[in-house]
C-alpha atoms as a PDB file:
ATOM      1  CA  MET A   1      -5.623 -45.483  68.132  1.00  0.00           C
ATOM      2  CA  ILE A   2      -2.697 -47.878  67.703  1.00  0.00           C
ATOM      3  CA  LYS A   3      -4.394 -50.056  65.627  1.00  0.00           C
ATOM      4  CA  ARG A   4      -5.030 -47.551  63.164  1.00  0.00           C
ATOM      5  CA  LEU A   5      -1.553 -46.835  63.567  1.00  0.00           C
ATOM      6  CA  SER A   6      -0.487 -49.347  62.554  1.00  0.00           C
ATOM      7  CA  LEU A   7      -3.112 -50.367  59.880  1.00  0.00           C
ATOM      8  CA  VAL A   8      -1.885 -47.035  58.063  1.00  0.00           C
ATOM      9  CA  CYS A   9       2.040 -48.328  58.383  1.00  0.00           C
ATOM     10  CA  VAL A  10       1.167 -51.381  56.583  1.00  0.00           C
ATOM     11  CA  ALA A  11      -0.769 -49.951  53.835  1.00  0.00           C
ATOM     12  CA  VAL A  12       2.359 -47.251  52.959  1.00  0.00           C
ATOM     13  CA  THR A  13       4.741 -50.377  53.280  1.00  0.00           C
ATOM     14  CA  VAL A  14       2.912 -52.406  51.129  1.00  0.00           C
ATOM     15  CA  LEU A  15       2.170 -49.417  48.393  1.00  0.00           C
ATOM     16  CA  THR A  16       6.093 -48.118  48.863  1.00  0.00           C
ATOM     17  CA  ALA A  17       7.108 -51.989  47.805  1.00  0.00           C
ATOM     18  CA  CYS A  18       4.773 -52.075  44.915  1.00  0.00           C
ATOM     19  CA  SER A  19       5.596 -48.914  43.193  1.00  0.00           C
ATOM     20  CA  GLN A  20       9.323 -49.353  42.923  1.00  0.00           C
ATOM     21  CA  GLY A  21       9.167 -52.481  41.014  1.00  0.00           C
ATOM     22  CA  GLY A  22       6.722 -50.772  38.621  1.00  0.00           C
ATOM     23  CA  GLN A  23       8.835 -48.011  37.980  1.00  0.00           C
ATOM     24  CA  GLN A  24      12.157 -50.216  37.193  1.00  0.00           C
ATOM     25  CA  ASP A  25       9.967 -51.770  34.287  1.00  0.00           C
ATOM     26  CA  LEU A  26       8.576 -48.565  32.836  1.00  0.00           C
ATOM     27  CA  VAL A  27      12.085 -47.395  32.635  1.00  0.00           C
ATOM     28  CA  ALA A  28      13.418 -49.902  30.906  1.00  0.00           C
ATOM     29  CA  PHE A  29      10.876 -50.901  28.236  1.00  0.00           C
ATOM     30  CA  THR A  30      11.088 -46.780  27.341  1.00  0.00           C
ATOM     31  CA  GLU A  31      15.239 -47.638  27.028  1.00  0.00           C
ATOM     32  CA  GLN A  32      14.381 -50.268  24.920  1.00  0.00           C
ATOM     33  CA  VAL A  33      11.577 -48.749  22.578  1.00  0.00           C
ATOM     34  CA  LYS A  34      14.230 -45.586  22.306  1.00  0.00           C
ATOM     35  CA  SER A  35      17.005 -47.919  20.883  1.00  0.00           C
ATOM     36  CA  THR A  36      15.220 -49.858  18.380  1.00  0.00           C
ATOM     37  CA  SER A  37      12.961 -46.874  16.886  1.00  0.00           C
ATOM     38  CA  VAL A  38      14.231 -44.581  14.322  1.00  0.00           C
ATOM     39  CA  PRO A  39      11.973 -42.435  12.844  1.00  0.00           C
ATOM     40  CA  SER A  40      11.534 -42.723   9.295  1.00  0.00           C
ATOM     41  CA  ALA A  41      10.431 -40.158   6.681  1.00  0.00           C
ATOM     42  CA  PRO A  42      10.243 -40.889   2.980  1.00  0.00           C
ATOM     43  CA  PRO A  43      12.632 -38.598   1.328  1.00  0.00           C
ATOM     44  CA  LEU A  44      11.527 -35.429   0.121  1.00  0.00           C
ATOM     45  CA  PRO A  45      10.416 -35.302  -4.376  1.00  0.00           C
ATOM     46  CA  GLU A  46      12.992 -34.140  -6.590  1.00  0.00           C
ATOM     47  CA  MET A  47      11.570 -31.046  -7.902  1.00  0.00           C
ATOM     48  CA  PRO A  48      11.244 -30.792 -11.545  1.00  0.00           C
ATOM     49  CA  GLU A  49      13.366 -27.909 -13.716  1.00  0.00           C
ATOM     50  CA  LEU A  50      10.830 -24.957 -14.508  1.00  0.00           C
ATOM     51  CA  GLU A  51      10.649 -23.808 -18.383  1.00  0.00           C
ATOM     52  CA  ARG A  52      11.871 -20.643 -18.675  1.00  0.00           C
ATOM     53  CA  VAL A  53       9.948 -18.456 -20.809  1.00  0.00           C
ATOM     54  CA  SER A  54      10.222 -15.062 -22.260  1.00  0.00           C
ATOM     55  CA  TYR A  55       8.111 -11.817 -21.608  1.00  0.00           C
ATOM     56  CA  THR A  56       6.654 -11.128 -24.893  1.00  0.00           C
ATOM     57  CA  GLY A  57       4.165  -8.270 -23.868  1.00  0.00           C
ATOM     58  CA  THR A  58       7.086  -5.613 -24.190  1.00  0.00           C
ATOM     59  CA  ASN A  59       5.146  -3.869 -27.035  1.00  0.00           C
ATOM     60  CA  PHE A  60       1.859  -4.005 -24.812  1.00  0.00           C
ATOM     61  CA  ARG A  61       0.311  -1.383 -22.734  1.00  0.00           C
ATOM     62  CA  ASN A  62       2.004  -1.875 -18.798  1.00  0.00           C
ATOM     63  CA  PRO A  63      -1.644  -2.918 -16.688  1.00  0.00           C
ATOM     64  CA  PHE A  64       0.608  -1.409 -14.336  1.00  0.00           C
ATOM     65  CA  GLN A  65      -0.308   2.637 -15.648  1.00  0.00           C
ATOM     66  CA  PRO A  66      -3.040   4.087 -15.716  1.00  0.00           C
ATOM     67  CA  ALA A  67      -4.586   3.871 -19.515  1.00  0.00           C
ATOM     68  CA  PRO A  68      -4.099   7.041 -21.388  1.00  0.00           C
ATOM     69  CA  LEU A  69      -7.156   9.355 -22.347  1.00  0.00           C
ATOM     70  CA  ASN A  70      -8.463   8.324 -25.799  1.00  0.00           C
ATOM     71  CA  ALA A  71      -8.586  12.170 -26.731  1.00  0.00           C
ATOM     72  CA  PRO A  72      -7.184  13.921 -29.905  1.00  0.00           C
ATOM     73  CA  GLU A  73      -3.796  15.629 -29.133  1.00  0.00           C
ATOM     74  CA  PRO A  74      -4.656  19.853 -28.284  1.00  0.00           C
ATOM     75  CA  GLY A  75      -4.956  21.901 -30.972  1.00  0.00           C
ATOM     76  CA  GLN A  76      -6.228  18.554 -33.285  1.00  0.00           C
ATOM     77  CA  ASN A  77      -9.555  19.647 -34.249  1.00  0.00           C
ATOM     78  CA  THR A  78     -11.941  16.871 -34.663  1.00  0.00           C
ATOM     79  CA  PRO A  79     -15.554  17.867 -36.281  1.00  0.00           C
ATOM     80  CA  GLY A  80     -18.436  17.075 -34.405  1.00  0.00           C
ATOM     81  CA  CYS A  81     -17.158  16.237 -31.491  1.00  0.00           C
ATOM     82  CA  PRO A  82     -17.398  17.721 -28.381  1.00  0.00           C
ATOM     83  CA  GLN A  83     -14.024  18.082 -26.161  1.00  0.00           C
ATOM     84  CA  PRO A  84     -13.851  18.931 -22.415  1.00  0.00           C
ATOM     85  CA  ASN A  85     -11.021  21.602 -21.521  1.00  0.00           C
ATOM     86  CA  LEU A  86      -7.990  19.549 -20.507  1.00  0.00           C
ATOM     87  CA  ASP A  87      -5.762  22.301 -19.797  1.00  0.00           C
ATOM     88  CA  ARG A  88      -7.676  23.854 -17.155  1.00  0.00           C
ATOM     89  CA  GLU A  89      -5.948  23.272 -13.797  1.00  0.00           C
ATOM     90  CA  ARG A  90      -7.929  20.727 -11.888  1.00  0.00           C
ATOM     91  CA  ALA A  91      -9.642  21.377  -8.106  1.00  0.00           C
ATOM     92  CA  GLU A  92      -9.307  19.620  -4.962  1.00  0.00           C
ATOM     93  CA  LEU A  93     -12.350  17.275  -5.459  1.00  0.00           C
ATOM     94  CA  GLU A  94     -11.483  15.806  -8.277  1.00  0.00           C
ATOM     95  CA  SER A  95      -9.100  13.477  -6.792  1.00  0.00           C
ATOM     96  CA  LEU A  96     -12.447  11.137  -5.949  1.00  0.00           C
ATOM     97  CA  GLY A  97     -14.764   9.289  -7.680  1.00  0.00           C
ATOM     98  CA  LEU A  98     -18.634  10.493  -6.995  1.00  0.00           C
ATOM     99  CA  ASP A  99     -19.111   7.325  -5.439  1.00  0.00           C
ATOM    100  CA  GLN A 100     -16.707   8.375  -2.127  1.00  0.00           C
ATOM    101  CA  PHE A 101     -18.941  11.803  -1.720  1.00  0.00           C
ATOM    102  CA  THR A 102     -22.402  11.973   0.063  1.00  0.00           C
ATOM    103  CA  LEU A 103     -24.738  14.667   0.121  1.00  0.00           C
ATOM    104  CA  VAL A 104     -25.195  16.236   3.430  1.00  0.00           C
ATOM    105  CA  GLY A 105     -27.731  18.957   2.184  1.00  0.00           C
ATOM    106  CA  THR A 106     -28.130  22.045   0.500  1.00  0.00           C
ATOM    107  CA  MET A 107     -28.997  25.941   1.273  1.00  0.00           C
ATOM    108  CA  ARG A 108     -28.955  29.458   0.320  1.00  0.00           C
ATOM    109  CA  THR A 109     -26.421  31.402   1.660  1.00  0.00           C
ATOM    110  CA  ASN A 110     -27.543  35.051  -0.311  1.00  0.00           C
ATOM    111  CA  GLN A 111     -29.742  35.761  -2.916  1.00  0.00           C
ATOM    112  CA  ASN A 112     -26.720  36.724  -5.480  1.00  0.00           C
ATOM    113  CA  GLU A 113     -25.285  33.820  -4.754  1.00  0.00           C
ATOM    114  CA  GLY A 114     -27.855  30.999  -5.123  1.00  0.00           C
ATOM    115  CA  PRO A 115     -28.015  27.616  -3.570  1.00  0.00           C
ATOM    116  CA  VAL A 116     -25.025  26.088  -2.281  1.00  0.00           C
ATOM    117  CA  ALA A 117     -24.315  21.894  -2.019  1.00  0.00           C
ATOM    118  CA  LEU A 118     -22.113  20.021   1.181  1.00  0.00           C
ATOM    119  CA  VAL A 119     -21.022  16.901   0.593  1.00  0.00           C
ATOM    120  CA  SER A 120     -18.925  14.729   2.707  1.00  0.00           C
ATOM    121  CA  THR A 121     -16.305  12.524   1.770  1.00  0.00           C
ATOM    122  CA  ASN A 122     -15.796   8.980   3.061  1.00  0.00           C
ATOM    123  CA  GLN A 123     -12.911  10.312   5.122  1.00  0.00           C
ATOM    124  CA  GLY A 124     -15.312  12.639   6.805  1.00  0.00           C
ATOM    125  CA  ARG A 125     -14.829  16.012   4.989  1.00  0.00           C
ATOM    126  CA  LEU A 126     -16.983  18.420   4.492  1.00  0.00           C
ATOM    127  CA  TYR A 127     -16.833  20.396   1.658  1.00  0.00           C
ATOM    128  CA  ARG A 128     -18.900  23.565   0.070  1.00  0.00           C
ATOM    129  CA  VAL A 129     -19.903  23.129  -3.827  1.00  0.00           C
ATOM    130  CA  ALA A 130     -21.196  25.708  -5.716  1.00  0.00           C
ATOM    131  CA  MET A 131     -22.390  26.047  -9.504  1.00  0.00           C
ATOM    132  CA  GLY A 132     -20.056  25.416 -11.984  1.00  0.00           C
ATOM    133  CA  ASP A 133     -17.604  24.053  -9.719  1.00  0.00           C
ATOM    134  CA  TYR A 134     -15.622  20.815 -10.772  1.00  0.00           C
ATOM    135  CA  ILE A 135     -16.029  17.234  -8.686  1.00  0.00           C
ATOM    136  CA  GLY A 136     -15.161  13.496  -9.681  1.00  0.00           C
ATOM    137  CA  LEU A 137     -12.793  11.644 -11.894  1.00  0.00           C
ATOM    138  CA  ASN A 138     -14.727  12.241 -14.697  1.00  0.00           C
ATOM    139  CA  LEU A 139     -13.995  15.746 -15.249  1.00  0.00           C
ATOM    140  CA  GLY A 140     -17.942  16.281 -13.479  1.00  0.00           C
ATOM    141  CA  GLN A 141     -18.887  19.773 -13.490  1.00  0.00           C
ATOM    142  CA  VAL A 142     -22.007  20.893 -10.857  1.00  0.00           C
ATOM    143  CA  THR A 143     -25.117  21.775 -13.654  1.00  0.00           C
ATOM    144  CA  GLN A 144     -28.090  21.938 -11.118  1.00  0.00           C
ATOM    145  CA  ILE A 145     -28.484  22.232  -7.268  1.00  0.00           C
ATOM    146  CA  THR A 146     -31.758  21.102  -5.906  1.00  0.00           C
ATOM    147  CA  PRO A 147     -33.104  20.233  -2.012  1.00  0.00           C
ATOM    148  CA  GLU A 148     -32.923  16.647  -3.035  1.00  0.00           C
ATOM    149  CA  PHE A 149     -30.023  16.097  -5.320  1.00  0.00           C
ATOM    150  CA  ILE A 150     -27.533  18.144  -6.867  1.00  0.00           C
ATOM    151  CA  MET A 151     -26.924  17.417 -10.955  1.00  0.00           C
ATOM    152  CA  ILE A 152     -23.132  16.646 -12.277  1.00  0.00           C
ATOM    153  CA  THR A 153     -22.201  16.422 -15.962  1.00  0.00           C
ATOM    154  CA  GLU A 154     -19.248  14.258 -16.560  1.00  0.00           C
ATOM    155  CA  TRP A 155     -17.415  13.965 -19.994  1.00  0.00           C
ATOM    156  CA  VAL A 156     -16.496  10.205 -20.212  1.00  0.00           C
ATOM    157  CA  PRO A 157     -13.922   8.916 -23.449  1.00  0.00           C
ATOM    158  CA  ALA A 158     -16.106   7.725 -26.244  1.00  0.00           C
ATOM    159  CA  GLY A 159     -12.627   5.417 -27.262  1.00  0.00           C
ATOM    160  CA  ASP A 160     -12.099   7.332 -30.990  1.00  0.00           C
ATOM    161  CA  GLY A 161     -11.474  10.522 -29.969  1.00  0.00           C
ATOM    162  CA  CYS A 162     -14.495  11.797 -28.665  1.00  0.00           C
ATOM    163  CA  TRP A 163     -16.104  12.461 -25.874  1.00  0.00           C
ATOM    164  CA  GLN A 164     -19.737  11.951 -24.309  1.00  0.00           C
ATOM    165  CA  GLN A 165     -21.456  13.501 -21.576  1.00  0.00           C
ATOM    166  CA  ARG A 166     -23.072  12.059 -19.280  1.00  0.00           C
ATOM    167  CA  ASP A 167     -25.422  13.604 -15.956  1.00  0.00           C
ATOM    168  CA  THR A 168     -25.324  11.628 -12.889  1.00  0.00           C
ATOM    169  CA  ALA A 169     -27.271  12.768  -9.668  1.00  0.00           C
ATOM    170  CA  LEU A 170     -25.694  12.900  -6.142  1.00  0.00           C
ATOM    171  CA  ARG A 171     -28.745  12.540  -4.081  1.00  0.00           C
ATOM    172  CA  LEU A 172     -29.516  12.861  -0.294  1.00  0.00           C
ATOM    173  CA  PRO A 173     -29.363   9.536   1.513  1.00  0.00           C
ATOM    174  CA  GLY A 174     -32.781   8.156   1.908  1.00  0.00           C
ATOM    175  CA  THR A 175     -34.598   9.888  -1.186  1.00  0.00           C
ATOM    176  CA  GLN A 176     -36.004   7.677  -4.316  1.00  0.00           C
ATOM    177  CA  GLY A 177     -34.634   7.794  -7.234  1.00  0.00           C
ATOM    178  CA  SER A 178     -31.506   6.686  -9.809  1.00  0.00           C
ATOM    179  CA  SER A 179     -28.521   7.698  -9.417  1.00  0.00           C
ATOM    180  CA  GLU A 180     -27.479   8.241 -13.478  1.00  0.00           C
ATOM    181  CA  LEU A 181     -29.973  10.577 -15.207  1.00  0.00           C
END
């Protein structure tokens, strides 16, 4: 037991003596490196002066404003061109595009009333749509309701002051067929 104790004391003494000398050399080397090295970075390049260009698009349409409808003024007759009723009050469902609606189903509520369709929006709201109701951004009007789809006749500006009608079908999910007829 005494031999072991004396062996441990000798080992601790030797290790302690060795460690003090190594730290002094390390501290001296660190101080020398800190005093001699100066971090250097290349100077920033001179930024070129940008040439000012005047804006010449003031006589063009502002791209951040909605494009005007290419329709003749109210009261102006365009012979041979069908025209939608632009003076009527817009319905709530005309604030969303047809791509934001999903046909949920159709039903018949009363023999006198005819078929009714249920459509939901991307926001999860459910609406009841009947024949003649307006829906969609392109002045669309419901013209046919079947168990598989509802037919919507839309008005699209042709660009020359006239309008064209286009039929679009809103189908139940999972049924076959094109969305435009």
